[in-house]
Amino acid sequence: MAVLPAMGDGLPLGSWRWFTPWGDALLVLPLVVCAAALLAWHHRDARRPALRWLLIVAMACAVTAASKIAFYGWGTGVPAWDLTCFSGHAVVAMVSWPVLGALLAPRRWPGARQAMCLGGIVLALLTGYSRVHVGGHSLAEVIAGAGLGGLGAWLALRALRSHTLDLARRVVLVPLALVLVAVTAAPPVRIPTESLLARIGTLLSDAPTPVSRKSWRQAHGYGDMGAEKE
């Protein structure tokens, strides 16, 4: 584990922030839905696998949300590991980018699918670790999120192993991706998911206020990460 912090020491904070949007649900999930829809539209036999992928992504996001609601409402977690929930960015990135990479690989290049899937895994890992470096999550939360998302990606890749997007469908994703990148890069555009999950947690637990990440860490002997998790 000591290797990962050493990686972060060589990059300025702004460099790591560049990776964070690649795990932003506002950017990634519309691409996933669009890719699945294009695949199902073009290949009748791909409809069920594409739907399965969407269900896997939805379940991974639901488990992540449930872990955060439980923390905000009841302060659940594993103090020994500094673990309170799954990192949402790590989950979204890992369950999406390896599969998107595999689907975007040209069918005529046998090794391209594996290479692009591996590229998606690397991007997802960098995205997850960026959350540690900017103070959004502990390393354990990122590892847990990457594990959950990786399980989902593995199941989706098995379901979609004989399918890929043709050139025309791949081109459709490009302008959508550019628009979404521009939207997520704009500072005013933020969906207050954490506030909503915190509110749900307090309503379900009947607590007066949501559990604070900072207070939880201090109570268990950890220092301030410098930012609340997202």
C-alpha atoms as a PDB file:
ATOM      1  CA  MET A   1       0.000   0.000   0.000  1.00  0.00           C
ATOM      2  CA  ALA A   2       2.909   2.340   0.595  1.00  0.00           C
ATOM      3  CA  VAL A   3       3.520   2.572  -3.158  1.00  0.00           C
ATOM      4  CA  LEU A   4       0.308   4.477  -3.810  1.00  0.00           C
ATOM      5  CA  PRO A   5       1.025   7.467  -1.578  1.00  0.00           C
ATOM      6  CA  ALA A   6       4.485   7.631  -3.126  1.00  0.00           C
ATOM      7  CA  MET A   7       2.856   7.970  -6.540  1.00  0.00           C
ATOM      8  CA  GLY A   8       0.857  10.962  -5.390  1.00  0.00           C
ATOM      9  CA  ASP A   9       3.889  12.766  -4.005  1.00  0.00           C
ATOM     10  CA  GLY A  10       5.249  13.308  -7.516  1.00  0.00           C
ATOM     11  CA  LEU A  11       2.181  15.058  -8.925  1.00  0.00           C
ATOM     12  CA  PRO A  12       0.763  18.462  -7.975  1.00  0.00           C
ATOM     13  CA  LEU A  13      -2.757  18.574  -6.577  1.00  0.00           C
ATOM     14  CA  GLY A  14      -4.122  20.099  -9.778  1.00  0.00           C
ATOM     15  CA  SER A  15      -2.874  17.131 -11.799  1.00  0.00           C
ATOM     16  CA  TRP A  16      -4.829  14.669  -9.672  1.00  0.00           C
ATOM     17  CA  ARG A  17      -7.961  16.807  -9.903  1.00  0.00           C
ATOM     18  CA  TRP A  18      -7.894  16.206 -13.663  1.00  0.00           C
ATOM     19  CA  PHE A  19      -8.782  12.544 -13.076  1.00  0.00           C
ATOM     20  CA  THR A  20     -11.724  13.151 -10.733  1.00  0.00           C
ATOM     21  CA  PRO A  21     -14.352  13.990 -13.418  1.00  0.00           C
ATOM     22  CA  TRP A  22     -13.817  10.568 -15.045  1.00  0.00           C
ATOM     23  CA  GLY A  23     -15.676   9.075 -12.102  1.00  0.00           C
ATOM     24  CA  ASP A  24     -18.404  11.724 -12.052  1.00  0.00           C
ATOM     25  CA  ALA A  25     -21.818  10.132 -12.571  1.00  0.00           C
ATOM     26  CA  LEU A  26     -22.963  13.194 -14.533  1.00  0.00           C
ATOM     27  CA  LEU A  27     -20.297  12.457 -17.149  1.00  0.00           C
ATOM     28  CA  VAL A  28     -20.030   8.676 -17.123  1.00  0.00           C
ATOM     29  CA  LEU A  29     -23.550   7.319 -16.645  1.00  0.00           C
ATOM     30  CA  PRO A  30     -25.069   9.082 -19.702  1.00  0.00           C
ATOM     31  CA  LEU A  31     -22.265   7.558 -21.797  1.00  0.00           C
ATOM     32  CA  VAL A  32     -23.042   4.124 -20.378  1.00  0.00           C
ATOM     33  CA  VAL A  33     -26.760   4.479 -21.123  1.00  0.00           C
ATOM     34  CA  CYS A  34     -26.057   5.781 -24.628  1.00  0.00           C
ATOM     35  CA  ALA A  35     -23.583   2.981 -25.393  1.00  0.00           C
ATOM     36  CA  ALA A  36     -25.999   0.327 -24.144  1.00  0.00           C
ATOM     37  CA  ALA A  37     -28.859   1.834 -26.164  1.00  0.00           C
ATOM     38  CA  LEU A  38     -26.778   1.989 -29.349  1.00  0.00           C
ATOM     39  CA  LEU A  39     -25.647  -1.584 -28.863  1.00  0.00           C
ATOM     40  CA  ALA A  40     -29.176  -2.863 -28.269  1.00  0.00           C
ATOM     41  CA  TRP A  41     -30.540  -0.870 -31.214  1.00  0.00           C
ATOM     42  CA  HIS A  42     -27.966  -2.227 -33.662  1.00  0.00           C
ATOM     43  CA  HIS A  43     -27.835  -5.840 -32.461  1.00  0.00           C
ATOM     44  CA  ARG A  44     -31.055  -7.574 -31.482  1.00  0.00           C
ATOM     45  CA  ASP A  45     -29.164 -10.324 -29.666  1.00  0.00           C
ATOM     46  CA  ALA A  46     -27.324  -7.677 -27.622  1.00  0.00           C
ATOM     47  CA  ARG A  47     -30.438  -6.275 -25.995  1.00  0.00           C
ATOM     48  CA  ARG A  48     -30.446  -8.581 -23.015  1.00  0.00           C
ATOM     49  CA  PRO A  49     -26.673  -8.275 -22.332  1.00  0.00           C
ATOM     50  CA  ALA A  50     -26.899  -4.475 -22.680  1.00  0.00           C
ATOM     51  CA  LEU A  51     -29.805  -4.366 -20.231  1.00  0.00           C
ATOM     52  CA  ARG A  52     -27.856  -6.607 -17.878  1.00  0.00           C
ATOM     53  CA  TRP A  53     -24.965  -4.138 -17.965  1.00  0.00           C
ATOM     54  CA  LEU A  54     -27.293  -1.265 -17.078  1.00  0.00           C
ATOM     55  CA  LEU A  55     -28.763  -3.266 -14.209  1.00  0.00           C
ATOM     56  CA  ILE A  56     -25.270  -4.079 -12.928  1.00  0.00           C
ATOM     57  CA  VAL A  57     -24.316  -0.387 -13.009  1.00  0.00           C
ATOM     58  CA  ALA A  58     -27.564   0.551 -11.259  1.00  0.00           C
ATOM     59  CA  MET A  59     -27.015  -2.068  -8.547  1.00  0.00           C
ATOM     60  CA  ALA A  60     -23.420  -0.930  -7.959  1.00  0.00           C
ATOM     61  CA  CYS A  61     -24.585   2.671  -7.606  1.00  0.00           C
ATOM     62  CA  ALA A  62     -27.413   1.599  -5.287  1.00  0.00           C
ATOM     63  CA  VAL A  63     -25.028  -0.306  -2.999  1.00  0.00           C
ATOM     64  CA  THR A  64     -22.723   2.724  -2.933  1.00  0.00           C
ATOM     65  CA  ALA A  65     -25.599   5.042  -2.062  1.00  0.00           C
ATOM     66  CA  ALA A  66     -26.793   2.661   0.661  1.00  0.00           C
ATOM     67  CA  SER A  67     -23.329   2.613   2.252  1.00  0.00           C
ATOM     68  CA  LYS A  68     -23.282   6.415   2.349  1.00  0.00           C
ATOM     69  CA  ILE A  69     -26.806   6.665   3.731  1.00  0.00           C
ATOM     70  CA  ALA A  70     -25.860   4.213   6.478  1.00  0.00           C
ATOM     71  CA  PHE A  71     -22.806   6.279   7.378  1.00  0.00           C
ATOM     72  CA  TYR A  72     -24.606   9.619   7.418  1.00  0.00           C
ATOM     73  CA  GLY A  73     -27.486   8.199   9.428  1.00  0.00           C
ATOM     74  CA  TRP A  74     -25.819   5.787  11.853  1.00  0.00           C
ATOM     75  CA  GLY A  75     -22.068   6.385  11.535  1.00  0.00           C
ATOM     76  CA  THR A  76     -21.400   2.881  10.219  1.00  0.00           C
ATOM     77  CA  GLY A  77     -17.918   1.935   9.090  1.00  0.00           C
ATOM     78  CA  VAL A  78     -14.772  -0.001   9.900  1.00  0.00           C
ATOM     79  CA  PRO A  79     -12.596   2.278  12.069  1.00  0.00           C
ATOM     80  CA  ALA A  80      -9.556  -0.004  11.840  1.00  0.00           C
ATOM     81  CA  TRP A  81      -9.465   0.530   8.061  1.00  0.00           C
ATOM     82  CA  ASP A  82     -10.689   4.146   8.000  1.00  0.00           C
ATOM     83  CA  LEU A  83     -13.595   2.837   5.917  1.00  0.00           C
ATOM     84  CA  THR A  84     -17.025   4.491   5.995  1.00  0.00           C
ATOM     85  CA  CYS A  85     -18.459   3.770   2.542  1.00  0.00           C
ATOM     86  CA  PHE A  86     -17.653   2.873  -1.057  1.00  0.00           C
ATOM     87  CA  SER A  87     -16.037   5.654  -3.065  1.00  0.00           C
ATOM     88  CA  GLY A  88     -18.657   6.626  -5.629  1.00  0.00           C
ATOM     89  CA  HIS A  89     -16.078   7.869  -8.117  1.00  0.00           C
ATOM     90  CA  ALA A  90     -14.141   4.600  -7.894  1.00  0.00           C
ATOM     91  CA  VAL A  91     -17.296   2.515  -8.336  1.00  0.00           C
ATOM     92  CA  VAL A  92     -18.633   4.497 -11.297  1.00  0.00           C
ATOM     93  CA  ALA A  93     -15.273   4.640 -13.057  1.00  0.00           C
ATOM     94  CA  MET A  94     -14.452   0.959 -12.594  1.00  0.00           C
ATOM     95  CA  VAL A  95     -17.876  -0.400 -13.553  1.00  0.00           C
ATOM     96  CA  SER A  96     -17.988   1.790 -16.671  1.00  0.00           C
ATOM     97  CA  TRP A  97     -14.658   2.564 -18.368  1.00  0.00           C
ATOM     98  CA  PRO A  98     -13.310  -0.998 -18.819  1.00  0.00           C
ATOM     99  CA  VAL A  99     -16.601  -2.034 -20.428  1.00  0.00           C
ATOM    100  CA  LEU A 100     -16.824   1.094 -22.572  1.00  0.00           C
ATOM    101  CA  GLY A 101     -13.251   0.505 -23.701  1.00  0.00           C
ATOM    102  CA  ALA A 102     -14.024  -3.076 -24.697  1.00  0.00           C
ATOM    103  CA  LEU A 103     -17.159  -2.045 -26.611  1.00  0.00           C
ATOM    104  CA  LEU A 104     -15.314   0.718 -28.479  1.00  0.00           C
ATOM    105  CA  ALA A 105     -12.570  -1.629 -29.708  1.00  0.00           C
ATOM    106  CA  PRO A 106     -12.692  -2.387 -33.466  1.00  0.00           C
ATOM    107  CA  ARG A 107     -13.812  -5.962 -34.092  1.00  0.00           C
ATOM    108  CA  ARG A 108     -11.117  -6.554 -36.729  1.00  0.00           C
ATOM    109  CA  TRP A 109      -8.294  -6.003 -34.206  1.00  0.00           C
ATOM    110  CA  PRO A 110      -8.285  -9.032 -31.867  1.00  0.00           C
ATOM    111  CA  GLY A 111      -5.961  -7.508 -29.280  1.00  0.00           C
ATOM    112  CA  ALA A 112      -7.633  -4.114 -29.230  1.00  0.00           C
ATOM    113  CA  ARG A 113     -10.476  -5.220 -26.945  1.00  0.00           C
ATOM    114  CA  GLN A 114      -8.097  -6.375 -24.223  1.00  0.00           C
ATOM    115  CA  ALA A 115      -5.885  -3.291 -24.622  1.00  0.00           C
ATOM    116  CA  MET A 116      -8.775  -0.820 -24.423  1.00  0.00           C
ATOM    117  CA  CYS A 117     -10.319  -2.680 -21.504  1.00  0.00           C
ATOM    118  CA  LEU A 118      -6.975  -2.476 -19.710  1.00  0.00           C
ATOM    119  CA  GLY A 119      -6.814   1.228 -20.522  1.00  0.00           C
ATOM    120  CA  GLY A 120     -10.235   1.635 -18.921  1.00  0.00           C
ATOM    121  CA  ILE A 121      -9.025  -0.156 -15.801  1.00  0.00           C
ATOM    122  CA  VAL A 122      -5.975   2.106 -15.554  1.00  0.00           C
ATOM    123  CA  LEU A 123      -8.142   5.215 -15.973  1.00  0.00           C
ATOM    124  CA  ALA A 124     -10.530   3.957 -13.290  1.00  0.00           C
ATOM    125  CA  LEU A 125      -7.671   3.263 -10.867  1.00  0.00           C
ATOM    126  CA  LEU A 126      -6.199   6.715 -11.421  1.00  0.00           C
ATOM    127  CA  THR A 127      -9.635   8.243 -10.943  1.00  0.00           C
ATOM    128  CA  GLY A 128     -10.097   6.381  -7.677  1.00  0.00           C
ATOM    129  CA  TYR A 129      -6.673   7.294  -6.356  1.00  0.00           C
ATOM    130  CA  SER A 130      -7.234  10.946  -7.234  1.00  0.00           C
ATOM    131  CA  ARG A 131      -9.967  10.931  -4.592  1.00  0.00           C
ATOM    132  CA  VAL A 132      -7.369   9.965  -1.981  1.00  0.00           C
ATOM    133  CA  HIS A 133      -4.943  12.643  -3.061  1.00  0.00           C
ATOM    134  CA  VAL A 134      -7.511  15.474  -3.071  1.00  0.00           C
ATOM    135  CA  GLY A 135      -8.834  14.419   0.354  1.00  0.00           C
ATOM    136  CA  GLY A 136     -12.171  13.035  -0.802  1.00  0.00           C
ATOM    137  CA  HIS A 137     -11.753   9.459   0.448  1.00  0.00           C
ATOM    138  CA  SER A 138      -9.461   7.190   2.378  1.00  0.00           C
ATOM    139  CA  LEU A 139      -7.436   4.591   0.501  1.00  0.00           C
ATOM    140  CA  ALA A 140      -9.611   1.817   1.954  1.00  0.00           C
ATOM    141  CA  GLU A 141     -12.772   3.458   0.600  1.00  0.00           C
ATOM    142  CA  VAL A 142     -11.243   3.723  -2.862  1.00  0.00           C
ATOM    143  CA  ILE A 143     -10.090   0.095  -2.788  1.00  0.00           C
ATOM    144  CA  ALA A 144     -13.570  -0.992  -1.682  1.00  0.00           C
ATOM    145  CA  GLY A 145     -15.146   1.070  -4.460  1.00  0.00           C
ATOM    146  CA  ALA A 146     -12.753  -0.274  -7.077  1.00  0.00           C
ATOM    147  CA  GLY A 147     -13.492  -3.805  -5.910  1.00  0.00           C
ATOM    148  CA  LEU A 148     -17.255  -3.314  -6.154  1.00  0.00           C
ATOM    149  CA  GLY A 149     -16.997  -1.628  -9.535  1.00  0.00           C
ATOM    150  CA  GLY A 150     -14.503  -4.231 -10.750  1.00  0.00           C
ATOM    151  CA  LEU A 151     -16.894  -7.049  -9.875  1.00  0.00           C
ATOM    152  CA  GLY A 152     -19.622  -5.287 -11.821  1.00  0.00           C
ATOM    153  CA  ALA A 153     -17.321  -4.726 -14.800  1.00  0.00           C
ATOM    154  CA  TRP A 154     -16.298  -8.396 -14.820  1.00  0.00           C
ATOM    155  CA  LEU A 155     -19.938  -9.516 -14.866  1.00  0.00           C
ATOM    156  CA  ALA A 156     -20.778  -7.012 -17.613  1.00  0.00           C
ATOM    157  CA  LEU A 157     -17.787  -7.997 -19.749  1.00  0.00           C
ATOM    158  CA  ARG A 158     -18.824 -11.646 -19.528  1.00  0.00           C
ATOM    159  CA  ALA A 159     -22.332 -10.740 -20.661  1.00  0.00           C
ATOM    160  CA  LEU A 160     -21.034  -8.557 -23.516  1.00  0.00           C
ATOM    161  CA  ARG A 161     -18.035 -10.686 -24.519  1.00  0.00           C
ATOM    162  CA  SER A 162     -19.285 -11.279 -28.081  1.00  0.00           C
ATOM    163  CA  HIS A 163     -20.526  -7.731 -28.723  1.00  0.00           C
ATOM    164  CA  THR A 164     -18.948  -4.461 -29.800  1.00  0.00           C
ATOM    165  CA  LEU A 165     -20.064  -1.122 -31.239  1.00  0.00           C
ATOM    166  CA  ASP A 166     -19.488  -0.544 -34.935  1.00  0.00           C
ATOM    167  CA  LEU A 167     -17.794   2.603 -36.255  1.00  0.00           C
ATOM    168  CA  ALA A 168     -21.022   4.558 -36.837  1.00  0.00           C
ATOM    169  CA  ARG A 169     -22.168   3.956 -33.249  1.00  0.00           C
ATOM    170  CA  ARG A 170     -18.760   4.798 -31.835  1.00  0.00           C
ATOM    171  CA  VAL A 171     -18.824   8.137 -33.659  1.00  0.00           C
ATOM    172  CA  VAL A 172     -22.179   8.982 -32.050  1.00  0.00           C
ATOM    173  CA  LEU A 173     -20.605   8.783 -28.594  1.00  0.00           C
ATOM    174  CA  VAL A 174     -17.887  11.345 -29.394  1.00  0.00           C
ATOM    175  CA  PRO A 175     -20.016  14.546 -29.463  1.00  0.00           C
ATOM    176  CA  LEU A 176     -21.970  13.351 -26.433  1.00  0.00           C
ATOM    177  CA  ALA A 177     -18.727  12.782 -24.548  1.00  0.00           C
ATOM    178  CA  LEU A 178     -17.446  16.248 -25.492  1.00  0.00           C
ATOM    179  CA  VAL A 179     -20.661  17.909 -24.306  1.00  0.00           C
ATOM    180  CA  LEU A 180     -20.618  16.000 -21.030  1.00  0.00           C
ATOM    181  CA  VAL A 181     -16.956  16.835 -20.422  1.00  0.00           C
ATOM    182  CA  ALA A 182     -17.738  20.519 -20.980  1.00  0.00           C
ATOM    183  CA  VAL A 183     -20.713  20.333 -18.612  1.00  0.00           C
ATOM    184  CA  THR A 184     -18.829  18.580 -15.820  1.00  0.00           C
ATOM    185  CA  ALA A 185     -15.885  20.963 -16.216  1.00  0.00           C
ATOM    186  CA  ALA A 186     -18.120  23.946 -15.459  1.00  0.00           C
ATOM    187  CA  PRO A 187     -17.811  24.749 -11.715  1.00  0.00           C
ATOM    188  CA  PRO A 188     -21.471  25.827 -11.265  1.00  0.00           C
ATOM    189  CA  VAL A 189     -22.771  22.457 -12.462  1.00  0.00           C
ATOM    190  CA  ARG A 190     -23.027  20.135  -9.482  1.00  0.00           C
ATOM    191  CA  ILE A 191     -25.646  17.646  -8.420  1.00  0.00           C
ATOM    192  CA  PRO A 192     -25.891  17.720  -4.590  1.00  0.00           C
ATOM    193  CA  THR A 193     -25.978  13.935  -4.237  1.00  0.00           C
ATOM    194  CA  GLU A 194     -24.046  13.925  -0.961  1.00  0.00           C
ATOM    195  CA  SER A 195     -26.456  16.392   0.634  1.00  0.00           C
ATOM    196  CA  LEU A 196     -29.395  14.302  -0.547  1.00  0.00           C
ATOM    197  CA  LEU A 197     -27.904  11.067   0.800  1.00  0.00           C
ATOM    198  CA  ALA A 198     -27.099  12.786   4.094  1.00  0.00           C
ATOM    199  CA  ARG A 199     -30.682  14.005   4.323  1.00  0.00           C
ATOM    200  CA  ILE A 200     -32.039  10.512   3.650  1.00  0.00           C
ATOM    201  CA  GLY A 201     -29.712   9.086   6.286  1.00  0.00           C
ATOM    202  CA  THR A 202     -30.901  11.514   8.951  1.00  0.00           C
ATOM    203  CA  LEU A 203     -34.553  10.924   8.056  1.00  0.00           C
ATOM    204  CA  LEU A 204     -34.211   7.145   8.309  1.00  0.00           C
ATOM    205  CA  SER A 205     -32.179   7.228  11.530  1.00  0.00           C
ATOM    206  CA  ASP A 206     -34.144  10.103  13.072  1.00  0.00           C
ATOM    207  CA  ALA A 207     -30.825  11.791  13.851  1.00  0.00           C
ATOM    208  CA  PRO A 208     -30.799  15.587  14.247  1.00  0.00           C
ATOM    209  CA  THR A 209     -27.805  16.003  11.931  1.00  0.00           C
ATOM    210  CA  PRO A 210     -25.853  13.727   9.586  1.00  0.00           C
ATOM    211  CA  VAL A 211     -22.680  12.116  10.893  1.00  0.00           C
ATOM    212  CA  SER A 212     -19.679  14.219   9.923  1.00  0.00           C
ATOM    213  CA  ARG A 213     -16.799  12.520   8.173  1.00  0.00           C
ATOM    214  CA  LYS A 214     -14.354  14.825   9.961  1.00  0.00           C
ATOM    215  CA  SER A 215     -15.825  14.111  13.407  1.00  0.00           C
ATOM    216  CA  TRP A 216     -15.922  10.362  12.747  1.00  0.00           C
ATOM    217  CA  ARG A 217     -12.250  10.303  11.789  1.00  0.00           C
ATOM    218  CA  GLN A 218     -11.205  12.393  14.774  1.00  0.00           C
ATOM    219  CA  ALA A 219     -13.197  10.160  17.118  1.00  0.00           C
ATOM    220  CA  HIS A 220     -11.284   7.138  15.839  1.00  0.00           C
ATOM    221  CA  GLY A 221      -7.843   8.690  15.938  1.00  0.00           C
ATOM    222  CA  TYR A 222      -7.428   9.797  12.326  1.00  0.00           C
ATOM    223  CA  GLY A 223      -6.364  13.216  11.122  1.00  0.00           C
ATOM    224  CA  ASP A 224      -8.323  15.613   8.946  1.00  0.00           C
ATOM    225  CA  MET A 225      -8.304  14.604   5.264  1.00  0.00           C
ATOM    226  CA  GLY A 226      -8.803  18.210   4.237  1.00  0.00           C
ATOM    227  CA  ALA A 227     -12.112  17.720   2.434  1.00  0.00           C
ATOM    228  CA  GLU A 228     -15.405  15.996   2.873  1.00  0.00           C
ATOM    229  CA  LYS A 229     -15.922  12.936   0.694  1.00  0.00           C
ATOM    230  CA  GLU A 230     -18.027  12.978  -2.469  1.00  0.00           C
END
